[in-house]
């Protein structure tokens, strides 16, 4: 399968250094060099985040709740967890790991923006620390949640990832759903999938 690297899109989100966060994640995946890169990630995650509306405060709390109690040693483990997720996805799709990382980001962002604040926070709480950072990168809490179709979902992922005629985005999205199904509790996966239309639920693994 031919792959084309696409330039990373910069976000106008109020969250600081979102693009830089993703660049560091991709570098860690591609170079498998944890120390200095993870130090940079710690500094980025330690920055102050803007306070969203009251209805979304719980999402911020869950997203950042573990950060103040996380040691440098735990961040090394967090880097290994994030790399394992990307490796699993790359193996499933026969893709390079940087491309798999970019796909994971694109699908996580679309899922995040699809869910209600409460559902979004529940899913975030079960993600590994650095994957959670990718999940919230570029997040705009003022964006309204509304019902969307499978086509809308795929277009959002494709626009974020970068259009490529050689990629079947149904297959690619299904691979990310399979990854989430493997690592996230069954109850949470049911809640997330049930928030989607039937046509999109078909991309999740069959029970």
N, C-alpha and C. Protein backbone atom coordinates (compact mmCIF):
# COMPACT_ATOMS: atom_id res chain seq x y z
N UNK A 1 0.85 -1.18 0.00
CA UNK A 1 0.00 0.00 0.00
C UNK A 1 0.89 1.24 0.00
N UNK A 2 0.68 2.11 -0.99
CA UNK A 2 1.50 3.32 -1.07
C UNK A 2 1.03 4.33 -0.05
N UNK A 3 1.98 5.03 0.55
CA UNK A 3 1.64 6.02 1.55
C UNK A 3 2.30 7.35 1.22
N UNK A 4 1.61 8.41 1.49
CA UNK A 4 2.15 9.75 1.26
C UNK A 4 2.08 10.52 2.56
N UNK A 5 3.19 11.08 2.97
CA UNK A 5 3.18 11.88 4.19
C UNK A 5 2.57 13.25 3.89
N UNK A 6 1.73 13.70 4.76
CA UNK A 6 1.05 14.97 4.56
C UNK A 6 1.47 15.93 5.65
N UNK A 7 1.53 17.22 5.34
CA UNK A 7 1.91 18.19 6.37
C UNK A 7 0.90 18.20 7.49
N UNK A 8 1.37 18.37 8.71
CA UNK A 8 0.50 18.42 9.87
C UNK A 8 -0.25 19.74 9.87
N UNK A 9 -1.54 19.66 10.16
CA UNK A 9 -2.36 20.86 10.22
C UNK A 9 -2.23 21.49 11.60
N UNK A 10 -2.06 22.79 11.62
CA UNK A 10 -1.99 23.51 12.87
C UNK A 10 -3.39 23.87 13.34
N UNK A 11 -3.59 23.78 14.62
CA UNK A 11 -4.90 24.03 15.19
C UNK A 11 -4.99 25.46 15.72
N UNK A 12 -6.21 26.03 15.62
CA UNK A 12 -6.45 27.33 16.22
C UNK A 12 -7.01 27.18 17.62
N UNK A 13 -6.94 25.97 18.15
CA UNK A 13 -7.48 25.68 19.48
C UNK A 13 -6.80 26.52 20.54
N UNK A 14 -7.51 26.82 21.64
CA UNK A 14 -6.88 27.52 22.75
C UNK A 14 -5.88 26.66 23.49
N UNK A 15 -5.84 25.35 23.24
CA UNK A 15 -4.88 24.50 23.93
C UNK A 15 -3.50 24.82 23.41
N UNK A 16 -2.52 25.05 24.31
CA UNK A 16 -1.19 25.45 23.88
C UNK A 16 -0.40 24.30 23.30
N UNK A 17 0.43 24.63 22.29
CA UNK A 17 1.46 23.72 21.78
C UNK A 17 0.92 22.40 21.28
N UNK A 18 -0.33 22.37 20.77
CA UNK A 18 -0.92 21.12 20.32
C UNK A 18 -0.13 20.47 19.21
N UNK A 19 0.25 21.26 18.18
CA UNK A 19 1.01 20.70 17.07
C UNK A 19 2.36 20.18 17.51
N UNK A 20 3.01 20.91 18.42
CA UNK A 20 4.30 20.49 18.94
C UNK A 20 4.19 19.16 19.68
N UNK A 21 3.08 18.98 20.40
CA UNK A 21 2.86 17.73 21.13
C UNK A 21 2.84 16.56 20.15
N UNK A 22 2.10 16.69 19.05
CA UNK A 22 2.01 15.61 18.09
C UNK A 22 3.36 15.35 17.42
N UNK A 23 4.10 16.42 17.12
CA UNK A 23 5.42 16.24 16.52
C UNK A 23 6.33 15.42 17.42
N UNK A 24 6.27 15.67 18.72
CA UNK A 24 7.10 14.92 19.66
C UNK A 24 6.66 13.46 19.74
N UNK A 25 5.35 13.22 19.74
CA UNK A 25 4.85 11.85 19.75
C UNK A 25 5.35 11.10 18.52
N UNK A 26 5.22 11.73 17.33
CA UNK A 26 5.65 11.07 16.11
C UNK A 26 7.15 10.81 16.12
N UNK A 27 7.91 11.76 16.66
CA UNK A 27 9.36 11.58 16.73
C UNK A 27 9.72 10.42 17.65
N UNK A 28 9.00 10.32 18.78
CA UNK A 28 9.26 9.22 19.71
C UNK A 28 8.94 7.89 19.08
N UNK A 29 7.86 7.83 18.30
CA UNK A 29 7.49 6.59 17.63
C UNK A 29 8.50 6.22 16.56
N UNK A 30 8.89 7.22 15.76
CA UNK A 30 9.77 6.95 14.63
C UNK A 30 11.19 6.63 15.08
N UNK A 31 11.67 7.34 16.11
CA UNK A 31 13.06 7.16 16.54
C UNK A 31 13.22 6.25 17.73
N UNK A 32 12.10 5.96 18.41
CA UNK A 32 12.11 5.13 19.61
C UNK A 32 13.14 5.63 20.63
N UNK A 33 13.21 6.96 20.77
CA UNK A 33 14.14 7.56 21.72
C UNK A 33 13.34 8.26 22.79
N UNK A 34 13.28 7.68 23.97
CA UNK A 34 12.35 8.14 24.98
C UNK A 34 12.80 9.35 25.76
N UNK A 35 14.01 9.38 26.30
CA UNK A 35 14.43 10.34 27.32
C UNK A 35 14.11 11.78 27.08
N UNK A 36 14.85 12.43 26.17
CA UNK A 36 14.69 13.87 25.95
C UNK A 36 13.31 14.20 25.40
N UNK A 37 12.80 13.34 24.50
CA UNK A 37 11.49 13.61 23.93
C UNK A 37 10.42 13.56 25.01
N UNK A 38 10.50 12.59 25.88
CA UNK A 38 9.50 12.48 26.94
C UNK A 38 9.61 13.64 27.92
N UNK A 39 10.84 14.13 28.15
CA UNK A 39 10.99 15.32 28.99
C UNK A 39 10.23 16.50 28.39
N UNK A 40 10.34 16.66 27.05
CA UNK A 40 9.62 17.75 26.38
C UNK A 40 8.11 17.56 26.51
N UNK A 41 7.65 16.30 26.40
CA UNK A 41 6.23 16.02 26.53
C UNK A 41 5.73 16.36 27.93
N UNK A 42 6.54 16.07 28.94
CA UNK A 42 6.16 16.41 30.31
C UNK A 42 5.96 17.92 30.44
N UNK A 43 6.90 18.70 29.88
CA UNK A 43 6.81 20.15 29.97
C UNK A 43 5.55 20.66 29.27
N UNK A 44 5.24 20.09 28.10
CA UNK A 44 4.05 20.52 27.37
C UNK A 44 2.79 20.21 28.14
N UNK A 45 2.72 19.01 28.73
CA UNK A 45 1.53 18.62 29.47
C UNK A 45 1.38 19.40 30.76
N UNK A 46 2.49 19.95 31.27
CA UNK A 46 2.44 20.69 32.53
C UNK A 46 1.95 22.12 32.35
N UNK A 47 1.80 22.57 31.08
CA UNK A 47 1.34 23.93 30.84
C UNK A 47 -0.09 24.12 31.33
N UNK A 48 -0.46 25.35 31.56
CA UNK A 48 -1.82 25.65 32.00
C UNK A 48 -2.77 25.51 30.83
N UNK A 49 -3.92 24.88 31.09
CA UNK A 49 -4.93 24.71 30.06
C UNK A 49 -6.07 25.68 30.33
N UNK A 50 -6.70 26.22 29.27
CA UNK A 50 -7.79 27.16 29.47
C UNK A 50 -8.98 26.48 30.12
N UNK A 51 -9.68 27.18 30.95
CA UNK A 51 -10.83 26.62 31.63
C UNK A 51 -12.05 26.69 30.73
N UNK A 52 -12.63 25.56 30.35
CA UNK A 52 -13.83 25.56 29.51
C UNK A 52 -15.06 25.91 30.33
N UNK A 53 -16.23 25.82 29.69
CA UNK A 53 -17.47 26.09 30.38
C UNK A 53 -17.70 25.05 31.47
N UNK A 54 -18.60 25.37 32.42
CA UNK A 54 -18.83 24.50 33.56
C UNK A 54 -19.17 23.09 33.14
N UNK A 55 -19.92 22.93 32.07
CA UNK A 55 -20.34 21.61 31.65
C UNK A 55 -19.21 20.72 31.19
N UNK A 56 -18.05 21.31 30.92
CA UNK A 56 -16.93 20.53 30.41
C UNK A 56 -15.78 20.49 31.42
N UNK A 57 -15.95 21.10 32.60
CA UNK A 57 -14.88 21.13 33.58
C UNK A 57 -14.47 19.73 34.00
N UNK A 58 -15.45 18.82 34.10
CA UNK A 58 -15.12 17.46 34.51
C UNK A 58 -14.23 16.79 33.48
N UNK A 59 -14.40 17.11 32.20
CA UNK A 59 -13.56 16.55 31.15
C UNK A 59 -12.12 16.97 31.34
N UNK A 60 -11.93 18.27 31.64
CA UNK A 60 -10.58 18.78 31.86
C UNK A 60 -9.96 18.10 33.07
N UNK A 61 -10.75 17.93 34.14
CA UNK A 61 -10.24 17.34 35.36
C UNK A 61 -9.79 15.91 35.13
N UNK A 62 -10.58 15.15 34.40
CA UNK A 62 -10.22 13.76 34.13
C UNK A 62 -9.01 13.70 33.22
N UNK A 63 -8.99 14.57 32.23
CA UNK A 63 -7.88 14.55 31.28
C UNK A 63 -6.56 14.83 31.96
N UNK A 64 -6.56 15.73 32.94
CA UNK A 64 -5.31 16.17 33.56
C UNK A 64 -5.11 15.61 34.95
N UNK A 65 -6.06 14.81 35.44
CA UNK A 65 -6.05 14.40 36.83
C UNK A 65 -4.81 13.63 37.25
N UNK A 66 -4.27 12.82 36.34
CA UNK A 66 -3.12 12.01 36.70
C UNK A 66 -1.80 12.74 36.52
N UNK A 67 -1.80 13.89 35.85
CA UNK A 67 -0.55 14.50 35.45
C UNK A 67 0.30 14.92 36.65
N UNK A 68 -0.32 15.52 37.67
CA UNK A 68 0.46 16.03 38.79
C UNK A 68 1.04 14.92 39.64
N UNK A 69 0.51 13.69 39.50
CA UNK A 69 0.99 12.58 40.31
C UNK A 69 1.87 11.63 39.51
N UNK A 70 2.22 12.01 38.30
CA UNK A 70 2.96 11.12 37.42
C UNK A 70 4.45 11.44 37.50
N UNK A 71 5.26 10.45 37.84
CA UNK A 71 6.70 10.65 37.95
C UNK A 71 7.35 10.55 36.58
N UNK A 72 8.63 10.94 36.52
CA UNK A 72 9.37 10.85 35.28
C UNK A 72 9.47 9.39 34.84
N UNK A 73 9.65 8.49 35.81
CA UNK A 73 9.72 7.07 35.47
C UNK A 73 8.44 6.58 34.85
N UNK A 74 7.31 7.06 35.35
CA UNK A 74 6.02 6.66 34.79
C UNK A 74 5.84 7.19 33.38
N UNK A 75 6.48 8.33 33.07
CA UNK A 75 6.37 8.84 31.71
C UNK A 75 7.12 7.96 30.73
N UNK A 76 8.20 7.35 31.18
CA UNK A 76 8.89 6.38 30.32
C UNK A 76 7.95 5.23 29.99
N UNK A 77 7.25 4.76 31.00
CA UNK A 77 6.26 3.71 30.79
C UNK A 77 5.14 4.20 29.88
N UNK A 78 4.73 5.45 30.07
CA UNK A 78 3.66 6.02 29.23
C UNK A 78 4.09 6.06 27.77
N UNK A 79 5.36 6.40 27.53
CA UNK A 79 5.87 6.40 26.17
C UNK A 79 5.84 5.01 25.56
N UNK A 80 6.16 4.01 26.36
CA UNK A 80 6.12 2.64 25.88
C UNK A 80 4.70 2.20 25.55
N UNK A 81 3.75 2.63 26.39
CA UNK A 81 2.35 2.31 26.13
C UNK A 81 1.88 2.92 24.81
N UNK A 82 2.21 4.19 24.61
CA UNK A 82 1.79 4.87 23.38
C UNK A 82 2.42 4.19 22.17
N UNK A 83 3.69 3.84 22.27
CA UNK A 83 4.36 3.15 21.16
C UNK A 83 3.70 1.81 20.88
N UNK A 84 3.28 1.10 21.94
CA UNK A 84 2.65 -0.20 21.74
C UNK A 84 1.33 -0.06 20.98
N UNK A 85 0.56 0.96 21.32
CA UNK A 85 -0.70 1.21 20.60
C UNK A 85 -0.42 1.45 19.12
N UNK A 86 0.56 2.29 18.85
CA UNK A 86 0.88 2.62 17.45
C UNK A 86 1.41 1.39 16.72
N UNK A 87 2.24 0.61 17.37
CA UNK A 87 2.79 -0.60 16.75
C UNK A 87 1.68 -1.57 16.39
N UNK A 88 0.73 -1.74 17.30
CA UNK A 88 -0.40 -2.64 17.03
C UNK A 88 -1.20 -2.17 15.82
N UNK A 89 -1.45 -0.88 15.75
CA UNK A 89 -2.22 -0.34 14.63
C UNK A 89 -1.45 -0.46 13.33
N UNK A 90 -0.15 -0.17 13.36
CA UNK A 90 0.68 -0.29 12.15
C UNK A 90 0.71 -1.73 11.65
N UNK A 91 0.81 -2.67 12.57
CA UNK A 91 0.84 -4.09 12.20
C UNK A 91 -0.49 -4.52 11.58
N UNK A 92 -1.59 -4.03 12.16
CA UNK A 92 -2.91 -4.40 11.66
C UNK A 92 -3.12 -3.92 10.22
N UNK A 93 -2.60 -2.72 9.90
CA UNK A 93 -2.83 -2.11 8.59
C UNK A 93 -1.66 -2.29 7.61
N UNK A 94 -0.54 -2.86 8.11
CA UNK A 94 0.69 -2.95 7.31
C UNK A 94 1.16 -1.56 6.87
N UNK A 95 1.09 -0.62 7.82
CA UNK A 95 1.52 0.76 7.58
C UNK A 95 2.81 1.03 8.34
N UNK A 96 3.44 2.16 8.00
CA UNK A 96 4.55 2.64 8.82
C UNK A 96 3.99 3.15 10.14
N UNK A 97 4.81 3.17 11.17
CA UNK A 97 4.35 3.61 12.48
C UNK A 97 4.00 5.11 12.52
N UNK A 98 4.77 5.99 11.88
CA UNK A 98 4.35 7.40 11.86
C UNK A 98 2.98 7.61 11.22
N UNK A 99 2.69 6.88 10.14
CA UNK A 99 1.38 7.00 9.50
C UNK A 99 0.28 6.46 10.40
N UNK A 100 0.57 5.35 11.09
CA UNK A 100 -0.41 4.79 12.03
C UNK A 100 -0.68 5.77 13.16
N UNK A 101 0.36 6.44 13.63
CA UNK A 101 0.20 7.45 14.70
C UNK A 101 -0.70 8.58 14.22
N UNK A 102 -0.50 9.03 13.00
CA UNK A 102 -1.31 10.12 12.45
C UNK A 102 -2.77 9.69 12.29
N UNK A 103 -2.98 8.44 11.88
CA UNK A 103 -4.34 7.93 11.76
C UNK A 103 -5.00 7.84 13.13
N UNK A 104 -4.28 7.33 14.13
CA UNK A 104 -4.83 7.23 15.47
C UNK A 104 -5.28 8.59 15.96
N UNK A 105 -4.45 9.60 15.74
CA UNK A 105 -4.80 10.97 16.12
C UNK A 105 -6.08 11.42 15.43
N UNK A 106 -6.16 11.20 14.12
CA UNK A 106 -7.31 11.67 13.35
C UNK A 106 -8.61 11.03 13.81
N UNK A 107 -8.57 9.73 14.07
CA UNK A 107 -9.78 9.02 14.50
C UNK A 107 -10.15 9.41 15.93
N UNK A 108 -9.16 9.50 16.81
CA UNK A 108 -9.44 9.90 18.19
C UNK A 108 -10.07 11.29 18.25
N UNK A 109 -9.57 12.21 17.44
CA UNK A 109 -10.14 13.55 17.43
C UNK A 109 -11.58 13.54 16.94
N UNK A 110 -11.87 12.74 15.93
CA UNK A 110 -13.23 12.69 15.40
C UNK A 110 -14.17 12.04 16.41
N UNK A 111 -13.72 10.97 17.06
CA UNK A 111 -14.53 10.34 18.11
C UNK A 111 -14.78 11.33 19.23
N UNK A 112 -13.73 12.03 19.66
CA UNK A 112 -13.84 13.02 20.74
C UNK A 112 -14.89 14.08 20.42
N UNK A 113 -14.85 14.62 19.21
CA UNK A 113 -15.77 15.68 18.83
C UNK A 113 -17.18 15.16 18.58
N UNK A 114 -17.31 13.85 18.44
CA UNK A 114 -18.61 13.22 18.20
C UNK A 114 -19.38 13.06 19.51
N UNK A 115 -18.64 12.86 20.61
CA UNK A 115 -19.25 12.49 21.88
C UNK A 115 -19.72 13.70 22.69
N UNK A 116 -20.63 13.44 23.61
CA UNK A 116 -21.02 14.47 24.59
C UNK A 116 -19.85 14.67 25.55
N UNK A 117 -19.80 15.81 26.26
CA UNK A 117 -18.69 16.02 27.20
C UNK A 117 -18.53 14.90 28.22
N UNK A 118 -19.64 14.37 28.75
CA UNK A 118 -19.55 13.30 29.74
C UNK A 118 -18.97 12.02 29.12
N UNK A 119 -19.45 11.66 27.94
CA UNK A 119 -18.94 10.46 27.27
C UNK A 119 -17.49 10.63 26.87
N UNK A 120 -17.14 11.84 26.41
CA UNK A 120 -15.77 12.12 26.02
C UNK A 120 -14.82 11.95 27.21
N UNK A 121 -15.25 12.43 28.39
CA UNK A 121 -14.43 12.32 29.59
C UNK A 121 -14.30 10.88 30.04
N UNK A 122 -15.36 10.10 29.93
CA UNK A 122 -15.31 8.69 30.32
C UNK A 122 -14.30 7.93 29.47
N UNK A 123 -14.30 8.20 28.17
CA UNK A 123 -13.34 7.53 27.29
C UNK A 123 -11.91 8.00 27.60
N UNK A 124 -11.74 9.30 27.81
CA UNK A 124 -10.41 9.84 28.10
C UNK A 124 -9.79 9.19 29.33
N UNK A 125 -10.62 8.91 30.34
CA UNK A 125 -10.12 8.35 31.58
C UNK A 125 -9.49 6.97 31.39
N UNK A 126 -9.83 6.28 30.31
CA UNK A 126 -9.30 4.93 30.08
C UNK A 126 -8.14 4.91 29.08
N UNK A 127 -7.76 6.06 28.56
CA UNK A 127 -6.66 6.11 27.61
C UNK A 127 -5.33 6.25 28.33
N UNK A 128 -4.25 5.63 27.81
CA UNK A 128 -2.92 5.86 28.38
C UNK A 128 -2.57 7.35 28.33
N UNK A 129 -1.67 7.78 29.21
CA UNK A 129 -1.40 9.21 29.40
C UNK A 129 -1.09 9.93 28.09
N UNK A 130 -0.15 9.42 27.31
CA UNK A 130 0.26 10.14 26.09
C UNK A 130 -0.79 10.00 24.99
N UNK A 131 -1.50 8.88 24.95
CA UNK A 131 -2.60 8.75 23.99
C UNK A 131 -3.70 9.73 24.37
N UNK A 132 -3.91 9.94 25.68
CA UNK A 132 -4.88 10.93 26.14
C UNK A 132 -4.45 12.32 25.70
N UNK A 133 -3.15 12.58 25.70
CA UNK A 133 -2.66 13.87 25.23
C UNK A 133 -2.98 14.09 23.76
N UNK A 134 -2.81 13.03 22.94
CA UNK A 134 -3.18 13.11 21.52
C UNK A 134 -4.68 13.35 21.38
N UNK A 135 -5.45 12.65 22.19
CA UNK A 135 -6.92 12.74 22.17
C UNK A 135 -7.39 14.18 22.38
N UNK A 136 -6.76 14.89 23.34
CA UNK A 136 -7.18 16.25 23.67
C UNK A 136 -6.44 17.32 22.87
N UNK A 137 -5.42 16.95 22.13
CA UNK A 137 -4.66 17.93 21.34
C UNK A 137 -5.59 18.64 20.34
N UNK A 138 -5.59 19.97 20.39
CA UNK A 138 -6.42 20.74 19.48
C UNK A 138 -7.88 20.82 19.85
N UNK A 139 -8.25 20.34 21.04
CA UNK A 139 -9.66 20.29 21.44
C UNK A 139 -10.22 21.68 21.64
N UNK A 140 -11.41 21.92 21.10
CA UNK A 140 -12.11 23.19 21.28
C UNK A 140 -13.41 22.91 22.02
N UNK A 141 -13.45 23.17 23.34
CA UNK A 141 -14.63 22.81 24.13
C UNK A 141 -15.89 23.57 23.75
N UNK A 142 -15.77 24.64 22.98
CA UNK A 142 -16.95 25.40 22.59
C UNK A 142 -17.62 24.83 21.34
N UNK A 143 -16.99 23.83 20.73
CA UNK A 143 -17.57 23.25 19.52
C UNK A 143 -18.84 22.47 19.86
N UNK A 144 -19.97 22.77 19.23
CA UNK A 144 -21.22 22.08 19.56
C UNK A 144 -21.20 20.63 19.10
N UNK A 145 -21.87 19.77 19.88
CA UNK A 145 -22.01 18.37 19.52
C UNK A 145 -23.35 18.21 18.81
N UNK A 146 -23.33 17.55 17.67
CA UNK A 146 -24.58 17.34 16.96
C UNK A 146 -24.52 16.00 16.24
N UNK A 147 -25.68 15.50 15.88
CA UNK A 147 -25.76 14.20 15.23
C UNK A 147 -25.16 14.28 13.83
N UNK A 148 -24.34 13.28 13.50
CA UNK A 148 -23.68 13.26 12.20
C UNK A 148 -23.75 11.86 11.60
N UNK A 149 -23.51 11.78 10.33
CA UNK A 149 -23.60 10.51 9.61
C UNK A 149 -22.23 9.84 9.53
N UNK A 150 -22.24 8.60 9.06
CA UNK A 150 -20.99 7.89 8.83
C UNK A 150 -20.13 8.66 7.83
N UNK A 151 -20.76 9.20 6.81
CA UNK A 151 -20.02 9.97 5.81
C UNK A 151 -19.32 11.17 6.45
N UNK A 152 -20.01 11.86 7.35
CA UNK A 152 -19.40 13.00 8.05
C UNK A 152 -18.18 12.55 8.84
N UNK A 153 -18.31 11.41 9.50
CA UNK A 153 -17.21 10.88 10.32
C UNK A 153 -15.99 10.59 9.44
N UNK A 154 -16.21 9.90 8.34
CA UNK A 154 -15.10 9.53 7.47
C UNK A 154 -14.46 10.76 6.84
N UNK A 155 -15.26 11.73 6.44
CA UNK A 155 -14.72 12.96 5.86
C UNK A 155 -13.85 13.69 6.89
N UNK A 156 -14.30 13.72 8.15
CA UNK A 156 -13.53 14.38 9.19
C UNK A 156 -12.18 13.69 9.38
N UNK A 157 -12.18 12.37 9.42
CA UNK A 157 -10.92 11.63 9.57
C UNK A 157 -10.03 11.86 8.37
N UNK A 158 -10.60 11.79 7.19
CA UNK A 158 -9.81 11.96 5.97
C UNK A 158 -9.22 13.36 5.87
N UNK A 159 -10.00 14.36 6.23
CA UNK A 159 -9.49 15.75 6.18
C UNK A 159 -8.36 15.96 7.18
N UNK A 160 -8.47 15.35 8.34
CA UNK A 160 -7.43 15.48 9.36
C UNK A 160 -6.18 14.72 8.97
N UNK A 161 -6.35 13.52 8.46
CA UNK A 161 -5.21 12.67 8.10
C UNK A 161 -4.51 13.19 6.85
N UNK A 162 -5.31 13.60 5.88
CA UNK A 162 -4.79 13.97 4.57
C UNK A 162 -5.30 13.00 3.53
N UNK A 163 -5.91 13.51 2.49
CA UNK A 163 -6.54 12.65 1.50
C UNK A 163 -5.51 11.80 0.77
N UNK A 164 -5.84 10.52 0.56
CA UNK A 164 -4.97 9.58 -0.14
C UNK A 164 -5.84 8.55 -0.85
N UNK A 165 -5.78 8.52 -2.18
CA UNK A 165 -6.60 7.60 -2.96
C UNK A 165 -6.33 6.14 -2.64
N UNK A 166 -5.14 5.85 -2.13
CA UNK A 166 -4.75 4.46 -1.87
C UNK A 166 -5.26 3.94 -0.53
N UNK A 167 -5.87 4.79 0.27
CA UNK A 167 -6.33 4.38 1.60
C UNK A 167 -7.84 4.17 1.60
N UNK A 168 -8.25 3.00 2.06
CA UNK A 168 -9.66 2.73 2.31
C UNK A 168 -9.94 3.17 3.74
N UNK A 169 -10.59 4.31 3.91
CA UNK A 169 -10.77 4.85 5.24
C UNK A 169 -11.75 4.05 6.09
N UNK A 170 -12.65 3.30 5.46
CA UNK A 170 -13.50 2.39 6.23
C UNK A 170 -12.62 1.37 6.95
N UNK A 171 -11.67 0.80 6.22
CA UNK A 171 -10.76 -0.20 6.79
C UNK A 171 -9.86 0.44 7.85
N UNK A 172 -9.34 1.62 7.55
CA UNK A 172 -8.44 2.30 8.48
C UNK A 172 -9.16 2.65 9.79
N UNK A 173 -10.35 3.21 9.70
CA UNK A 173 -11.12 3.56 10.90
C UNK A 173 -11.48 2.31 11.68
N UNK A 174 -11.87 1.27 10.98
CA UNK A 174 -12.21 0.01 11.63
C UNK A 174 -11.02 -0.54 12.42
N UNK A 175 -9.81 -0.36 11.90
CA UNK A 175 -8.61 -0.83 12.60
C UNK A 175 -8.40 -0.06 13.91
N UNK A 176 -8.67 1.24 13.90
CA UNK A 176 -8.56 2.03 15.14
C UNK A 176 -9.64 1.60 16.13
N UNK A 177 -10.85 1.37 15.64
CA UNK A 177 -11.93 0.89 16.52
C UNK A 177 -11.55 -0.45 17.14
N UNK A 178 -10.91 -1.30 16.36
CA UNK A 178 -10.46 -2.61 16.87
C UNK A 178 -9.42 -2.42 17.97
N UNK A 179 -8.52 -1.47 17.76
CA UNK A 179 -7.49 -1.16 18.77
C UNK A 179 -8.14 -0.68 20.07
N UNK A 180 -9.12 0.23 19.95
CA UNK A 180 -9.82 0.71 21.14
C UNK A 180 -10.57 -0.42 21.83
N UNK A 181 -11.19 -1.27 21.05
CA UNK A 181 -11.94 -2.40 21.60
C UNK A 181 -11.02 -3.34 22.38
N UNK A 182 -9.77 -3.42 21.94
CA UNK A 182 -8.80 -4.30 22.59
C UNK A 182 -8.32 -3.75 23.93
N UNK A 183 -8.27 -2.42 24.05
CA UNK A 183 -7.66 -1.81 25.22
C UNK A 183 -8.64 -1.14 26.19
N UNK A 184 -9.85 -0.85 25.74
CA UNK A 184 -10.82 -0.12 26.56
C UNK A 184 -11.89 -1.09 27.07
N UNK A 185 -12.43 -0.80 28.24
CA UNK A 185 -13.42 -1.70 28.84
C UNK A 185 -14.62 -1.87 27.92
N UNK A 186 -15.22 -3.04 28.02
CA UNK A 186 -16.35 -3.36 27.15
C UNK A 186 -17.51 -2.38 27.35
N UNK A 187 -17.78 -2.03 28.61
CA UNK A 187 -18.88 -1.11 28.89
C UNK A 187 -18.70 0.23 28.23
N UNK A 188 -17.45 0.76 28.26
CA UNK A 188 -17.19 2.05 27.64
C UNK A 188 -17.30 1.97 26.12
N UNK A 189 -16.81 0.87 25.54
CA UNK A 189 -16.90 0.71 24.08
C UNK A 189 -18.36 0.67 23.64
N UNK A 190 -19.19 0.00 24.41
CA UNK A 190 -20.62 -0.06 24.09
C UNK A 190 -21.23 1.33 24.11
N UNK A 191 -20.86 2.14 25.12
CA UNK A 191 -21.39 3.51 25.19
C UNK A 191 -20.95 4.34 24.00
N UNK A 192 -19.67 4.23 23.63
CA UNK A 192 -19.15 5.02 22.51
C UNK A 192 -19.82 4.58 21.20
N UNK A 193 -19.87 3.28 20.97
CA UNK A 193 -20.44 2.79 19.71
C UNK A 193 -21.94 3.09 19.62
N UNK A 194 -22.63 3.02 20.75
CA UNK A 194 -24.07 3.30 20.74
C UNK A 194 -24.38 4.76 20.47
N UNK A 195 -23.38 5.64 20.61
CA UNK A 195 -23.58 7.05 20.31
C UNK A 195 -23.53 7.32 18.81
N UNK A 196 -23.19 6.28 18.05
CA UNK A 196 -23.02 6.42 16.61
C UNK A 196 -24.17 5.78 15.85
N UNK A 197 -24.39 6.24 14.65
CA UNK A 197 -25.42 5.66 13.81
C UNK A 197 -25.07 4.22 13.45
N UNK A 198 -26.08 3.44 13.10
CA UNK A 198 -25.90 2.02 12.84
C UNK A 198 -24.86 1.77 11.76
N UNK A 199 -24.85 2.59 10.72
CA UNK A 199 -23.91 2.38 9.62
C UNK A 199 -22.46 2.51 10.09
N UNK A 200 -22.22 3.41 11.06
CA UNK A 200 -20.87 3.59 11.58
C UNK A 200 -20.53 2.52 12.62
N UNK A 201 -21.54 2.07 13.37
CA UNK A 201 -21.31 1.01 14.36
C UNK A 201 -20.82 -0.26 13.70
N UNK A 202 -21.11 -0.44 12.42
CA UNK A 202 -20.69 -1.65 11.71
C UNK A 202 -19.17 -1.71 11.56
N UNK A 203 -18.49 -0.58 11.75
CA UNK A 203 -17.02 -0.58 11.64
C UNK A 203 -16.36 -1.08 12.92
N UNK A 204 -17.13 -1.19 14.01
CA UNK A 204 -16.59 -1.74 15.25
C UNK A 204 -16.52 -3.27 15.16
N UNK A 205 -15.61 -3.90 15.90
CA UNK A 205 -15.54 -5.37 15.88
C UNK A 205 -16.86 -6.00 16.29
N UNK A 206 -17.17 -7.13 15.69
CA UNK A 206 -18.40 -7.85 16.03
C UNK A 206 -18.19 -8.56 17.35
N UNK A 207 -19.21 -8.52 18.20
CA UNK A 207 -19.10 -9.18 19.51
C UNK A 207 -18.85 -10.68 19.34
